[in-house]
Protein backbone atom coordinates (compact mmCIF):
# COMPACT_ATOMS: atom_id res chain seq x y z
CA MET A 1 0.00 0.00 0.00
CA ASN A 2 1.31 3.40 -0.90
CA GLN A 3 1.88 5.65 2.08
CA PRO A 4 0.11 9.04 1.96
CA THR A 5 2.38 11.97 1.29
CA ASP A 6 1.99 15.62 2.16
CA GLU A 7 1.41 17.80 -0.87
CA ILE A 8 2.77 21.33 -1.09
CA LEU A 9 0.79 23.38 -3.56
CA LEU A 10 2.44 26.55 -4.81
CA PRO A 11 0.52 29.25 -6.68
CA PRO A 12 1.47 29.22 -10.40
CA ASN A 13 2.90 32.74 -10.26
CA PHE A 14 5.55 31.66 -7.78
CA LEU A 15 7.12 29.43 -10.42
CA PHE A 16 7.79 32.24 -12.91
CA ARG A 17 9.62 35.53 -13.20
CA PHE A 18 7.44 38.15 -14.81
CA GLY A 19 8.65 40.86 -17.14
CA ALA A 20 7.30 43.51 -19.49
CA ASP A 21 8.59 46.17 -21.85
CA VAL A 22 7.82 49.77 -20.94
CA LYS A 23 7.75 52.51 -23.57
CA PRO A 24 9.11 56.02 -23.14
CA PHE A 25 6.61 58.84 -22.85
CA SER A 26 6.98 62.42 -24.00
CA GLY A 27 5.57 65.60 -22.61
CA LYS A 28 5.84 67.42 -19.34
CA TRP A 29 3.77 67.10 -16.20
CA GLY A 30 0.83 69.53 -16.19
CA LYS A 31 -2.19 70.30 -14.06
CA ASN A 32 -3.86 67.12 -15.35
CA GLY A 33 -0.70 65.04 -15.11
CA VAL A 34 0.52 63.29 -18.26
CA THR A 35 -1.29 61.34 -20.96
CA LEU A 36 -0.19 57.78 -21.65
CA GLY A 37 -2.77 55.48 -23.29
CA GLU A 38 -3.50 51.89 -24.26
CA SER A 39 -0.03 51.24 -25.67
CA PHE A 40 1.39 51.79 -22.17
CA VAL A 41 -0.82 49.19 -20.43
CA LEU A 42 1.17 46.61 -18.48
CA PRO A 43 0.25 42.94 -18.77
CA ASN A 44 -1.40 41.45 -15.72
CA PHE A 45 -0.47 37.97 -14.52
CA SER A 46 -2.69 37.67 -11.45
CA HIS A 47 -5.31 35.81 -13.51
CA LEU A 48 -3.01 32.78 -13.40
CA GLU A 49 -3.98 32.46 -9.75
CA GLY A 50 -7.66 33.04 -10.43
CA ARG A 51 -7.67 36.65 -9.28
CA THR A 52 -9.85 39.05 -11.25
CA GLU A 53 -8.27 41.99 -13.04
CA TYR A 54 -10.44 45.01 -12.21
CA ALA A 55 -8.22 47.80 -13.53
CA GLN A 56 -5.42 48.49 -15.98
CA LEU A 57 -2.13 50.12 -15.11
CA GLU A 58 -0.45 52.30 -17.72
CA LEU A 59 3.25 52.96 -17.14
CA GLY A 60 5.83 54.97 -19.09
CA TRP A 61 9.38 56.11 -18.52
CA SER A 62 11.58 59.06 -19.37
CA GLU A 63 14.83 60.54 -18.14
CA GLU A 64 12.68 62.58 -15.75
CA GLY A 65 11.15 59.52 -14.06
CA LEU A 66 8.29 57.02 -14.21
CA ALA A 67 4.69 58.03 -14.92
CA PHE A 68 1.51 55.98 -14.44
CA HIS A 69 -2.25 56.06 -14.82
CA THR A 70 -4.95 53.73 -13.52
CA LYS A 71 -8.72 53.80 -13.15
CA VAL A 72 -10.83 51.68 -10.81
CA THR A 73 -14.55 51.42 -11.59
CA GLY A 74 -17.56 49.40 -10.48
CA LYS A 75 -17.21 50.06 -6.76
CA GLU A 76 -20.31 49.89 -4.61
CA LYS A 77 -18.68 50.83 -1.31
CA SER A 78 -17.03 54.09 -0.34
CA LEU A 79 -13.26 54.51 -0.40
CA TRP A 80 -11.32 53.90 2.78
CA CYS A 81 -8.01 55.79 2.89
CA ARG A 82 -6.00 57.04 5.86
CA GLU A 83 -2.49 58.45 5.96
CA SER A 84 -2.02 56.95 9.41
CA ARG A 85 -2.93 53.46 8.12
CA LEU A 86 -1.48 53.25 4.64
CA ASP A 87 -1.25 49.44 4.65
CA GLU A 88 -5.02 49.17 5.09
CA SER A 89 -5.99 51.89 2.62
CA ASP A 90 -7.45 51.67 -0.87
CA GLY A 91 -4.99 52.74 -3.52
CA LEU A 92 -1.97 51.90 -5.64
CA PHE A 93 1.32 50.68 -4.18
CA ILE A 94 4.50 50.50 -6.28
CA TRP A 95 7.86 48.86 -5.56
CA ILE A 96 10.94 49.63 -7.67
CA ASP A 97 14.50 48.31 -7.65
CA THR A 98 16.55 50.54 -9.94
CA ARG A 99 19.27 47.90 -10.21
CA GLY A 100 16.93 45.01 -10.94
CA ALA A 101 18.88 42.60 -8.74
CA GLN A 102 16.60 39.60 -8.26
CA ASN A 103 18.95 37.67 -6.01
CA ILE A 104 18.54 39.75 -2.85
CA HIS A 105 15.88 38.83 -0.32
CA ARG A 106 16.17 42.08 1.63
CA ALA A 107 15.78 45.49 0.02
CA SER A 108 18.90 47.50 -0.76
CA ARG A 109 19.22 51.28 -1.03
CA TYR A 110 18.14 50.94 -4.66
CA CYS A 111 14.74 49.59 -3.60
CA HIS A 112 11.76 51.89 -3.10
CA GLN A 113 8.13 51.62 -1.99
CA PHE A 114 5.51 54.25 -2.79
CA ALA A 115 1.83 54.61 -1.88
CA PHE A 116 -0.62 56.59 -4.00
CA LEU A 117 -4.08 57.03 -2.49
CA PRO A 118 -7.08 58.79 -4.09
CA ALA A 119 -8.06 60.21 -0.69
CA GLY A 120 -7.04 60.10 2.97
CA GLY A 121 -5.22 63.40 3.31
CA GLY A 122 -6.31 66.68 4.86
CA THR A 123 -8.49 67.26 7.88
CA LEU A 124 -11.49 65.64 6.16
CA HIS A 125 -9.45 62.77 4.65
CA LYS A 126 -10.52 63.80 1.15
CA GLU A 127 -7.21 64.95 -0.33
CA PRO A 128 -5.10 62.56 -2.45
CA LEU A 129 -1.88 61.25 -0.93
CA ALA A 130 1.49 60.29 -2.42
CA ARG A 131 4.02 58.88 0.03
CA TRP A 132 7.37 57.12 0.11
CA VAL A 133 7.13 54.20 2.54
CA PRO A 134 10.12 52.48 4.20
CA ILE A 135 10.48 48.82 3.26
CA HIS A 136 10.34 46.44 6.21
CA ARG A 137 13.65 44.71 6.94
CA ALA A 138 15.51 46.76 4.32
CA LYS A 139 19.28 46.63 4.69
CA GLU A 140 19.48 50.32 3.78
CA ASP A 141 17.02 53.05 2.81
CA PRO A 142 17.39 55.06 -0.43
CA LYS A 143 18.61 58.63 -0.33
CA MET A 144 16.40 61.13 1.49
CA ILE A 145 13.03 61.51 -0.24
CA THR A 146 10.74 64.51 0.09
CA ASN A 147 7.14 63.42 -0.30
CA GLY A 148 6.17 66.79 -1.75
CA GLU A 149 8.14 65.99 -4.91
CA LEU A 150 5.92 63.03 -5.76
CA LYS A 151 3.27 64.03 -8.30
CA LEU A 152 -0.35 62.87 -8.17
CA VAL A 153 -3.67 63.85 -9.69
CA ALA A 154 -6.74 61.96 -8.44
CA LYS A 155 -10.40 62.01 -9.39
CA VAL A 156 -12.97 60.29 -7.18
CA THR A 157 -16.43 59.30 -8.41
CA LYS A 158 -19.34 57.48 -6.82
CA THR A 159 -18.20 54.20 -8.33
CA GLY A 160 -14.42 54.47 -8.26
CA TYR A 161 -11.43 56.69 -8.86
CA SER A 162 -8.55 57.43 -11.19
CA LEU A 163 -4.91 58.14 -10.37
CA THR A 164 -2.30 59.79 -12.55
CA GLY A 165 1.12 60.16 -11.01
CA MET A 166 4.83 60.49 -11.52
CA ILE A 167 7.87 59.42 -9.53
CA PRO A 168 10.63 61.91 -10.43
CA SER A 169 14.05 60.45 -11.22
CA ASN A 170 15.65 62.35 -8.34
CA MET A 171 13.49 60.31 -5.97
CA LEU A 172 14.78 57.01 -7.34
CA THR A 173 18.24 56.22 -6.01
CA GLY A 174 20.29 54.70 -8.83
CA TYR A 175 17.81 55.49 -11.62
CA ASP A 176 19.89 55.48 -14.81
CA PRO A 177 18.05 54.08 -17.86
CA ASP A 178 21.14 54.38 -20.04
CA GLN A 179 23.18 52.05 -17.82
CA PHE A 180 20.42 50.03 -16.11
CA SER A 181 17.50 49.60 -18.48
CA SER A 182 16.06 46.61 -16.58
CA ILE A 183 14.57 47.43 -13.20
CA GLY A 184 12.77 45.40 -10.56
CA PHE A 185 9.07 46.18 -10.29
CA MET A 186 5.94 45.20 -8.44
CA TYR A 187 2.60 46.91 -8.04
CA ALA A 188 -0.52 46.21 -6.02
CA LEU A 189 -3.90 47.79 -6.44
CA VAL A 190 -5.47 47.33 -3.02
CA ASP A 191 -9.21 47.67 -2.57
CA SER A 192 -11.23 46.77 0.52
CA GLU A 193 -14.09 45.70 -1.74
CA LYS A 194 -12.37 44.19 -4.80
CA GLY A 195 -9.24 42.78 -3.18
CA TRP A 196 -5.66 42.81 -4.43
CA GLN A 197 -4.53 43.05 -8.04
CA THR A 198 -0.78 42.65 -8.53
CA PHE A 199 1.79 42.38 -11.31
CA GLY A 200 2.50 38.77 -10.40
CA ASN A 201 2.77 37.18 -6.97
CA GLY A 202 0.00 37.97 -4.53
CA PRO A 203 -0.17 39.05 -0.88
CA GLU A 204 0.22 35.44 0.31
CA PHE A 205 3.93 36.06 -0.31
CA PRO A 206 6.04 38.82 1.30
CA ILE A 207 6.06 40.98 -1.83
CA LYS A 208 6.24 44.15 0.25
CA GLU A 209 9.76 43.39 1.42
CA ASN A 210 11.36 40.67 -0.75
CA PRO A 211 12.68 41.92 -4.14
CA THR A 212 13.14 38.36 -5.45
CA LEU A 213 9.34 38.18 -5.69
CA TRP A 214 9.10 41.24 -7.93
CA GLY A 215 9.03 41.23 -11.72
CA THR A 216 11.19 43.05 -14.27
CA LEU A 217 10.52 46.08 -16.44
CA ASN A 218 12.59 46.66 -19.55
CA LEU A 219 12.82 50.37 -20.30
CA VAL A 220 12.84 50.18 -24.10
CA LEU A 221 13.17 52.84 -26.76
CA ASP A 222 10.52 53.43 -29.41
CA GLU A 223 10.85 51.06 -32.34
């Protein structure tokens, strides 16, 4: 008789390294942010684990930094965003490793975490928020970052919100597309109603602090 064995089931995303090409964008930041478009939409791999994609993330790069746009729709519940409780807030979280080293389990000074919330700021918690967030267990933090330099335009509706933002290059330690055109990347759209949508691995893994679980972005030139 065969003896029973314990089975260890790993989510499919854990078995792969995810990557995508990112196009350069032109234009300067204005009162409405920047315009990207469908050609800047990143692929989403969370469907491999059965998670529903409820928004698209557009991402572009330039010498001045990284720009993004996303729109969440179909919400039935109100937003919940608080500066004092970023980890529990609705919004977009982005992790970047400007050196793209996928063999380090603890963040280096080239690793960054940012939170972009459609609300939660101000005395009435209705102002959008853009914040650099220290990475837990990081070996070293990046150079000093002033939150006021992060750029964000948000629009909140009854059924969702949109975010357009930019992370300036001077807020990304080691950002040098000419020398390092492949960077580590992870994002998570977090919603108290719709759940988590990520670039690859989900919140069952320590994606907030372990760069080996992030994907790769290739900062390509226009063809």
